N, C-alpha and C. Protein backbone atom coordinates (compact mmCIF):
# COMPACT_ATOMS: atom_id res chain seq x y z
N UNK A 1 0.85 -1.17 0.00
CA UNK A 1 0.00 0.00 0.00
C UNK A 1 0.89 1.23 0.00
N UNK A 2 0.62 2.10 -0.95
CA UNK A 2 1.38 3.33 -1.04
C UNK A 2 0.43 4.50 -1.27
N UNK A 3 0.85 5.68 -0.86
CA UNK A 3 0.04 6.87 -1.07
C UNK A 3 0.33 7.52 -2.42
N UNK A 4 1.36 7.06 -3.09
CA UNK A 4 1.72 7.61 -4.39
C UNK A 4 0.91 6.95 -5.50
N UNK A 5 0.97 7.54 -6.70
CA UNK A 5 0.22 7.00 -7.83
C UNK A 5 0.97 5.91 -8.59
N UNK A 6 2.21 5.67 -8.20
CA UNK A 6 2.98 4.59 -8.80
C UNK A 6 3.94 4.05 -7.75
N UNK A 7 4.60 2.95 -8.10
CA UNK A 7 5.55 2.32 -7.19
C UNK A 7 6.88 2.26 -7.92
N UNK A 8 7.90 2.99 -7.45
CA UNK A 8 9.19 2.99 -8.13
C UNK A 8 9.73 1.57 -8.32
N UNK A 9 10.17 1.28 -9.54
CA UNK A 9 10.71 -0.04 -9.84
C UNK A 9 9.66 -1.05 -10.27
N UNK A 10 8.40 -0.65 -10.30
CA UNK A 10 7.31 -1.54 -10.68
C UNK A 10 6.44 -0.85 -11.72
N UNK A 11 5.73 -1.66 -12.49
CA UNK A 11 4.76 -1.10 -13.42
C UNK A 11 3.41 -1.73 -13.13
N UNK A 12 2.37 -0.94 -13.31
CA UNK A 12 1.01 -1.43 -13.11
C UNK A 12 0.62 -2.21 -14.35
N UNK A 13 0.24 -3.47 -14.17
CA UNK A 13 -0.17 -4.30 -15.30
C UNK A 13 -1.68 -4.47 -15.38
N UNK A 14 -2.36 -4.19 -14.28
CA UNK A 14 -3.82 -4.31 -14.27
C UNK A 14 -4.38 -3.41 -13.18
N UNK A 15 -5.41 -2.64 -13.53
CA UNK A 15 -6.12 -1.81 -12.57
C UNK A 15 -7.43 -2.51 -12.25
N UNK A 16 -7.65 -2.80 -10.97
CA UNK A 16 -8.82 -3.58 -10.55
C UNK A 16 -9.92 -2.73 -9.94
N UNK A 17 -9.68 -1.44 -9.78
CA UNK A 17 -10.72 -0.55 -9.28
C UNK A 17 -10.47 -0.08 -7.86
N UNK A 18 -11.38 0.77 -7.41
CA UNK A 18 -11.28 1.36 -6.07
C UNK A 18 -11.61 0.32 -5.01
N UNK A 19 -10.85 0.35 -3.94
CA UNK A 19 -11.11 -0.49 -2.77
C UNK A 19 -11.16 0.41 -1.55
N UNK A 20 -11.86 -0.05 -0.54
CA UNK A 20 -11.95 0.77 0.67
C UNK A 20 -12.15 -0.10 1.89
N UNK A 21 -11.88 0.50 3.03
CA UNK A 21 -12.18 -0.10 4.32
C UNK A 21 -12.85 0.97 5.15
N UNK A 22 -13.84 0.61 5.92
CA UNK A 22 -14.62 1.59 6.67
C UNK A 22 -14.91 1.06 8.06
N UNK A 23 -14.89 1.95 9.03
CA UNK A 23 -15.33 1.60 10.38
C UNK A 23 -15.97 2.83 11.01
N UNK A 24 -16.96 2.59 11.83
CA UNK A 24 -17.59 3.64 12.64
C UNK A 24 -17.51 3.14 14.07
N UNK A 25 -16.94 3.96 14.93
CA UNK A 25 -16.70 3.53 16.31
C UNK A 25 -17.16 4.57 17.31
N UNK A 26 -17.30 4.10 18.53
CA UNK A 26 -17.55 4.99 19.66
C UNK A 26 -16.68 4.52 20.81
N UNK A 27 -16.43 5.40 21.74
CA UNK A 27 -15.70 4.98 22.93
C UNK A 27 -16.69 4.32 23.87
N UNK A 28 -16.18 3.46 24.77
CA UNK A 28 -17.08 2.90 25.76
C UNK A 28 -17.38 3.97 26.81
N UNK A 29 -18.32 3.72 27.67
CA UNK A 29 -18.74 4.74 28.63
C UNK A 29 -17.58 5.24 29.48
N UNK A 30 -16.75 4.33 29.96
CA UNK A 30 -15.62 4.74 30.81
C UNK A 30 -14.64 5.62 30.07
N UNK A 31 -14.31 5.24 28.82
CA UNK A 31 -13.39 6.05 28.03
C UNK A 31 -13.98 7.42 27.74
N UNK A 32 -15.25 7.45 27.37
CA UNK A 32 -15.90 8.72 27.06
C UNK A 32 -15.97 9.63 28.27
N UNK A 33 -16.24 9.05 29.42
CA UNK A 33 -16.33 9.83 30.66
C UNK A 33 -14.97 10.42 31.00
N UNK A 34 -13.92 9.58 30.96
CA UNK A 34 -12.56 10.04 31.25
C UNK A 34 -12.12 11.09 30.24
N UNK A 35 -12.40 10.84 28.96
CA UNK A 35 -12.00 11.78 27.91
C UNK A 35 -12.69 13.12 28.09
N UNK A 36 -13.94 13.11 28.54
CA UNK A 36 -14.67 14.35 28.77
C UNK A 36 -13.98 15.21 29.81
N UNK A 37 -13.49 14.60 30.88
CA UNK A 37 -12.76 15.35 31.90
C UNK A 37 -11.43 15.87 31.37
N UNK A 38 -10.73 15.04 30.59
CA UNK A 38 -9.44 15.47 30.02
C UNK A 38 -9.63 16.66 29.09
N UNK A 39 -10.73 16.67 28.34
CA UNK A 39 -10.99 17.74 27.39
C UNK A 39 -11.12 19.09 28.08
N UNK A 40 -11.56 19.08 29.32
CA UNK A 40 -11.69 20.34 30.06
C UNK A 40 -10.34 21.02 30.25
N UNK A 41 -9.29 20.23 30.36
CA UNK A 41 -7.95 20.79 30.58
C UNK A 41 -7.21 21.12 29.30
N UNK A 42 -7.75 20.75 28.15
CA UNK A 42 -7.07 20.99 26.87
C UNK A 42 -5.99 19.95 26.61
N UNK A 43 -5.40 20.00 25.46
CA UNK A 43 -4.33 19.08 25.09
C UNK A 43 -4.85 17.79 24.48
N UNK A 44 -3.94 16.86 24.30
CA UNK A 44 -4.28 15.58 23.68
C UNK A 44 -5.18 14.76 24.58
N UNK A 45 -6.10 14.02 23.96
CA UNK A 45 -6.99 13.12 24.69
C UNK A 45 -6.59 11.70 24.29
N UNK A 46 -5.79 11.03 25.13
CA UNK A 46 -5.24 9.71 24.77
C UNK A 46 -6.30 8.68 24.39
N UNK A 47 -7.45 8.71 25.02
CA UNK A 47 -8.50 7.73 24.71
C UNK A 47 -8.95 7.87 23.25
N UNK A 48 -9.09 9.10 22.77
CA UNK A 48 -9.50 9.32 21.39
C UNK A 48 -8.35 9.09 20.43
N UNK A 49 -7.14 9.40 20.84
CA UNK A 49 -5.97 9.13 20.00
C UNK A 49 -5.88 7.63 19.75
N UNK A 50 -6.03 6.83 20.79
CA UNK A 50 -5.98 5.37 20.65
C UNK A 50 -7.11 4.87 19.75
N UNK A 51 -8.31 5.42 19.92
CA UNK A 51 -9.45 5.04 19.10
C UNK A 51 -9.17 5.31 17.62
N UNK A 52 -8.60 6.47 17.31
CA UNK A 52 -8.31 6.81 15.91
C UNK A 52 -7.19 5.94 15.35
N UNK A 53 -6.18 5.66 16.16
CA UNK A 53 -5.08 4.79 15.73
C UNK A 53 -5.61 3.40 15.38
N UNK A 54 -6.41 2.84 16.27
CA UNK A 54 -6.99 1.51 16.04
C UNK A 54 -7.90 1.52 14.81
N UNK A 55 -8.64 2.61 14.63
CA UNK A 55 -9.53 2.72 13.48
C UNK A 55 -8.75 2.72 12.18
N UNK A 56 -7.66 3.47 12.12
CA UNK A 56 -6.84 3.51 10.90
C UNK A 56 -6.27 2.13 10.59
N UNK A 57 -5.80 1.46 11.60
CA UNK A 57 -5.25 0.12 11.42
C UNK A 57 -6.32 -0.82 10.87
N UNK A 58 -7.50 -0.75 11.44
CA UNK A 58 -8.61 -1.62 11.02
C UNK A 58 -9.01 -1.34 9.58
N UNK A 59 -9.16 -0.07 9.20
CA UNK A 59 -9.60 0.22 7.83
C UNK A 59 -8.53 -0.15 6.80
N UNK A 60 -7.25 -0.05 7.17
CA UNK A 60 -6.19 -0.48 6.26
C UNK A 60 -6.28 -1.99 6.03
N UNK A 61 -6.51 -2.75 7.09
CA UNK A 61 -6.66 -4.20 6.96
C UNK A 61 -7.86 -4.56 6.10
N UNK A 62 -8.97 -3.86 6.30
CA UNK A 62 -10.17 -4.14 5.51
C UNK A 62 -9.97 -3.78 4.04
N UNK A 63 -9.31 -2.65 3.79
CA UNK A 63 -9.04 -2.25 2.41
C UNK A 63 -8.14 -3.28 1.74
N UNK A 64 -7.09 -3.71 2.46
CA UNK A 64 -6.17 -4.70 1.89
C UNK A 64 -6.90 -6.01 1.60
N UNK A 65 -7.78 -6.44 2.49
CA UNK A 65 -8.55 -7.68 2.26
C UNK A 65 -9.40 -7.57 1.00
N UNK A 66 -10.03 -6.42 0.81
CA UNK A 66 -10.84 -6.22 -0.40
C UNK A 66 -9.96 -6.26 -1.65
N UNK A 67 -8.78 -5.65 -1.57
CA UNK A 67 -7.86 -5.65 -2.72
C UNK A 67 -7.43 -7.08 -3.06
N UNK A 68 -7.10 -7.86 -2.05
CA UNK A 68 -6.67 -9.25 -2.27
C UNK A 68 -7.82 -10.07 -2.86
N UNK A 69 -9.05 -9.84 -2.38
CA UNK A 69 -10.22 -10.55 -2.92
C UNK A 69 -10.36 -10.30 -4.42
N UNK A 70 -9.97 -9.13 -4.85
CA UNK A 70 -10.07 -8.77 -6.28
C UNK A 70 -8.86 -9.25 -7.09
N UNK A 71 -7.84 -9.78 -6.41
CA UNK A 71 -6.67 -10.28 -7.11
C UNK A 71 -5.50 -9.31 -7.16
N UNK A 72 -5.54 -8.26 -6.37
CA UNK A 72 -4.47 -7.25 -6.38
C UNK A 72 -3.28 -7.71 -5.54
N UNK A 73 -2.12 -7.16 -5.87
CA UNK A 73 -0.95 -7.36 -5.01
C UNK A 73 -0.40 -6.02 -4.52
N UNK A 74 -1.16 -4.94 -4.78
CA UNK A 74 -0.77 -3.61 -4.29
C UNK A 74 -1.99 -2.70 -4.32
N UNK A 75 -1.92 -1.65 -3.50
CA UNK A 75 -2.91 -0.58 -3.52
C UNK A 75 -2.13 0.71 -3.69
N UNK A 76 -2.51 1.49 -4.70
CA UNK A 76 -1.84 2.77 -4.93
C UNK A 76 -2.82 3.91 -4.63
N UNK A 77 -2.28 5.11 -4.49
CA UNK A 77 -3.07 6.31 -4.23
C UNK A 77 -3.95 6.14 -2.99
N UNK A 78 -3.42 5.50 -1.95
CA UNK A 78 -4.17 5.26 -0.73
C UNK A 78 -4.35 6.56 0.05
N UNK A 79 -5.55 6.77 0.55
CA UNK A 79 -5.88 7.97 1.32
C UNK A 79 -6.73 7.57 2.51
N UNK A 80 -6.75 8.46 3.51
CA UNK A 80 -7.64 8.31 4.66
C UNK A 80 -8.66 9.44 4.62
N UNK A 81 -9.84 9.17 5.15
CA UNK A 81 -10.85 10.19 5.35
C UNK A 81 -11.49 9.89 6.70
N UNK A 82 -11.83 10.92 7.42
CA UNK A 82 -12.46 10.70 8.72
C UNK A 82 -13.53 11.75 8.94
N UNK A 83 -14.43 11.44 9.81
CA UNK A 83 -15.50 12.37 10.14
C UNK A 83 -16.21 11.91 11.39
N UNK A 84 -17.22 12.65 11.75
CA UNK A 84 -17.99 12.27 12.93
C UNK A 84 -19.45 12.16 12.54
N UNK A 85 -20.10 11.22 13.15
CA UNK A 85 -21.53 11.00 12.98
C UNK A 85 -22.14 11.07 14.37
N UNK A 86 -22.53 12.25 14.76
CA UNK A 86 -23.02 12.43 16.13
C UNK A 86 -21.88 12.18 17.10
N UNK A 87 -22.06 11.23 17.99
CA UNK A 87 -21.01 10.92 18.97
C UNK A 87 -20.10 9.79 18.49
N UNK A 88 -20.22 9.42 17.23
CA UNK A 88 -19.41 8.34 16.68
C UNK A 88 -18.31 8.89 15.78
N UNK A 89 -17.26 8.12 15.63
CA UNK A 89 -16.12 8.49 14.79
C UNK A 89 -16.08 7.55 13.59
N UNK A 90 -16.02 8.13 12.39
CA UNK A 90 -15.95 7.33 11.17
C UNK A 90 -14.56 7.46 10.58
N UNK A 91 -14.00 6.34 10.12
CA UNK A 91 -12.68 6.34 9.48
C UNK A 91 -12.80 5.50 8.21
N UNK A 92 -12.23 6.01 7.12
CA UNK A 92 -12.26 5.32 5.85
C UNK A 92 -10.87 5.37 5.23
N UNK A 93 -10.41 4.26 4.68
CA UNK A 93 -9.19 4.22 3.87
C UNK A 93 -9.62 3.78 2.49
N UNK A 94 -9.08 4.42 1.46
CA UNK A 94 -9.44 4.04 0.11
C UNK A 94 -8.26 4.21 -0.82
N UNK A 95 -8.29 3.48 -1.90
CA UNK A 95 -7.22 3.55 -2.88
C UNK A 95 -7.60 2.74 -4.10
N UNK A 96 -6.64 2.54 -4.99
CA UNK A 96 -6.87 1.79 -6.22
C UNK A 96 -6.13 0.46 -6.15
N UNK A 97 -6.88 -0.62 -6.28
CA UNK A 97 -6.29 -1.96 -6.27
C UNK A 97 -5.67 -2.22 -7.64
N UNK A 98 -4.42 -2.67 -7.63
CA UNK A 98 -3.70 -2.92 -8.87
C UNK A 98 -2.87 -4.19 -8.77
N UNK A 99 -2.47 -4.68 -9.92
CA UNK A 99 -1.48 -5.74 -10.01
C UNK A 99 -0.22 -5.06 -10.53
N UNK A 100 0.88 -5.25 -9.82
CA UNK A 100 2.15 -4.65 -10.24
C UNK A 100 3.18 -5.74 -10.47
N UNK A 101 4.15 -5.43 -11.33
CA UNK A 101 5.26 -6.33 -11.60
C UNK A 101 6.53 -5.50 -11.66
N UNK A 102 7.65 -6.09 -11.23
CA UNK A 102 8.91 -5.34 -11.31
C UNK A 102 9.23 -5.00 -12.77
N UNK A 103 9.76 -3.80 -12.97
CA UNK A 103 10.22 -3.39 -14.29
C UNK A 103 11.52 -4.14 -14.56
N UNK A 104 11.66 -4.71 -15.75
CA UNK A 104 12.86 -5.48 -16.09
C UNK A 104 14.11 -4.64 -15.85
N UNK A 105 15.03 -5.19 -15.09
CA UNK A 105 16.30 -4.54 -14.84
C UNK A 105 16.27 -3.42 -13.82
N UNK A 106 15.10 -3.02 -13.35
CA UNK A 106 15.02 -1.93 -12.37
C UNK A 106 15.12 -2.50 -10.97
N UNK A 107 15.79 -1.77 -10.12
CA UNK A 107 15.90 -2.16 -8.72
C UNK A 107 14.88 -1.36 -7.92
N UNK A 108 14.01 -2.02 -7.17
CA UNK A 108 13.07 -1.29 -6.32
C UNK A 108 13.81 -0.42 -5.32
N UNK A 109 13.18 0.66 -4.94
CA UNK A 109 13.77 1.55 -3.94
C UNK A 109 13.98 0.79 -2.64
N UNK A 110 15.05 1.12 -1.88
CA UNK A 110 15.28 0.44 -0.60
C UNK A 110 14.06 0.59 0.31
N UNK A 111 13.68 -0.50 0.94
CA UNK A 111 12.55 -0.46 1.88
C UNK A 111 11.21 -0.34 1.17
N UNK A 112 11.16 -0.67 -0.12
CA UNK A 112 9.92 -0.52 -0.89
C UNK A 112 8.82 -1.37 -0.27
N UNK A 113 7.67 -0.74 0.03
CA UNK A 113 6.56 -1.43 0.68
C UNK A 113 5.88 -2.44 -0.22
N UNK A 114 5.97 -2.29 -1.53
CA UNK A 114 5.24 -3.18 -2.43
C UNK A 114 6.13 -4.29 -2.99
N UNK A 115 7.25 -4.57 -2.34
CA UNK A 115 8.16 -5.60 -2.83
C UNK A 115 7.52 -6.98 -2.71
N UNK A 116 7.91 -7.89 -3.57
CA UNK A 116 7.39 -9.25 -3.53
C UNK A 116 7.93 -9.96 -2.30
N UNK A 117 7.24 -10.89 -1.71
CA UNK A 117 5.92 -11.30 -2.12
C UNK A 117 4.87 -10.26 -1.76
N UNK A 118 3.70 -10.41 -2.35
CA UNK A 118 2.64 -9.42 -2.17
C UNK A 118 2.28 -9.22 -0.71
N UNK A 119 2.41 -10.26 0.10
CA UNK A 119 2.06 -10.14 1.51
C UNK A 119 2.94 -9.14 2.23
N UNK A 120 4.08 -8.78 1.67
CA UNK A 120 4.96 -7.81 2.33
C UNK A 120 4.29 -6.46 2.44
N UNK A 121 3.36 -6.16 1.54
CA UNK A 121 2.69 -4.87 1.57
C UNK A 121 1.50 -4.86 2.52
N UNK A 122 1.09 -6.03 2.99
CA UNK A 122 -0.07 -6.11 3.87
C UNK A 122 0.31 -5.67 5.27
N UNK A 123 -0.63 -4.99 5.96
CA UNK A 123 -0.36 -4.64 7.35
C UNK A 123 -0.23 -5.91 8.19
N UNK A 124 0.55 -5.83 9.24
CA UNK A 124 0.70 -6.97 10.13
C UNK A 124 -0.63 -7.27 10.80
N UNK A 125 -0.91 -8.54 11.08
CA UNK A 125 -2.18 -8.86 11.74
C UNK A 125 -2.23 -8.26 13.14
N UNK A 126 -3.44 -7.94 13.54
CA UNK A 126 -3.63 -7.34 14.86
C UNK A 126 -3.34 -8.38 15.94
N UNK A 127 -2.83 -7.91 17.06
CA UNK A 127 -2.59 -8.79 18.19
C UNK A 127 -3.94 -9.23 18.74
N UNK A 128 -4.09 -10.51 19.11
CA UNK A 128 -5.37 -10.95 19.63
C UNK A 128 -5.71 -10.20 20.92
N UNK A 129 -6.91 -9.69 20.98
CA UNK A 129 -7.35 -8.96 22.16
C UNK A 129 -8.81 -9.31 22.41
N UNK A 130 -9.69 -8.49 21.90
CA UNK A 130 -11.12 -8.71 22.05
C UNK A 130 -11.62 -9.55 20.88
N UNK A 131 -12.82 -10.09 20.98
CA UNK A 131 -13.38 -10.81 19.84
C UNK A 131 -13.40 -9.90 18.62
N UNK A 132 -13.28 -10.50 17.46
CA UNK A 132 -13.23 -9.74 16.21
C UNK A 132 -14.52 -8.95 16.01
N UNK A 133 -14.37 -7.75 15.49
CA UNK A 133 -15.51 -6.90 15.17
C UNK A 133 -16.22 -7.48 13.96
N UNK A 134 -17.47 -7.11 13.75
CA UNK A 134 -18.15 -7.60 12.55
C UNK A 134 -17.34 -7.22 11.32
N UNK A 135 -17.26 -8.14 10.38
CA UNK A 135 -16.45 -7.87 9.20
C UNK A 135 -17.20 -6.97 8.23
N UNK A 136 -16.42 -6.32 7.41
CA UNK A 136 -16.97 -5.45 6.38
C UNK A 136 -17.66 -6.33 5.35
N UNK A 137 -18.74 -5.85 4.73
CA UNK A 137 -19.39 -6.66 3.70
C UNK A 137 -18.40 -7.04 2.60
N UNK A 138 -18.67 -8.14 1.94
CA UNK A 138 -17.78 -8.61 0.87
C UNK A 138 -17.66 -7.56 -0.22
N UNK A 139 -16.51 -7.51 -0.84
CA UNK A 139 -16.27 -6.55 -1.91
C UNK A 139 -17.14 -6.88 -3.11
N UNK A 140 -17.64 -5.84 -3.80
CA UNK A 140 -18.40 -6.12 -5.02
C UNK A 140 -17.47 -6.70 -6.08
N UNK A 141 -18.00 -7.46 -7.02
CA UNK A 141 -17.13 -8.02 -8.05
C UNK A 141 -16.49 -6.91 -8.88
N UNK A 142 -15.30 -7.17 -9.34
CA UNK A 142 -14.59 -6.20 -10.17
C UNK A 142 -15.30 -6.08 -11.51
N UNK A 143 -15.34 -4.85 -12.07
CA UNK A 143 -15.97 -4.69 -13.38
C UNK A 143 -15.15 -5.41 -14.45
N UNK A 144 -15.80 -5.89 -15.51
CA UNK A 144 -15.06 -6.59 -16.56
C UNK A 144 -14.07 -5.64 -17.23
N UNK A 145 -12.92 -6.19 -17.59
CA UNK A 145 -11.88 -5.41 -18.25
C UNK A 145 -12.11 -5.51 -19.75
N UNK A 146 -12.16 -4.35 -20.40
CA UNK A 146 -12.42 -4.33 -21.85
C UNK A 146 -11.16 -4.61 -22.63
């Protein structure tokens, strides 16, 4: 997954379409209560920072799963979007699912995130903690390529 429109040392051989991951979350009562008191003093609110961090991680995993379902080995032009829905926090990651291949004779940039195997670009699995959240609906089928 990269935020750029291309991957140095690779060429896009197939564009599979837009993919996304979405989550809407709220803090539990204890977190919300504590965060409310912290907000009175100003500064960072760790409970909400953690919520947003976890949300970004989750939407990246969901986006990557959708890309893999479509047959992609990379996501380019990845972006985040966030907003609020009343007392809830919404986080979305989106990008373009693609199949990439190394350019003949080109050396990928050091530390390239999209290096083979394709799983190297996937986010690391989450550490087991609470039961898994409901999964995102299955990705729609990719449109036919003309």
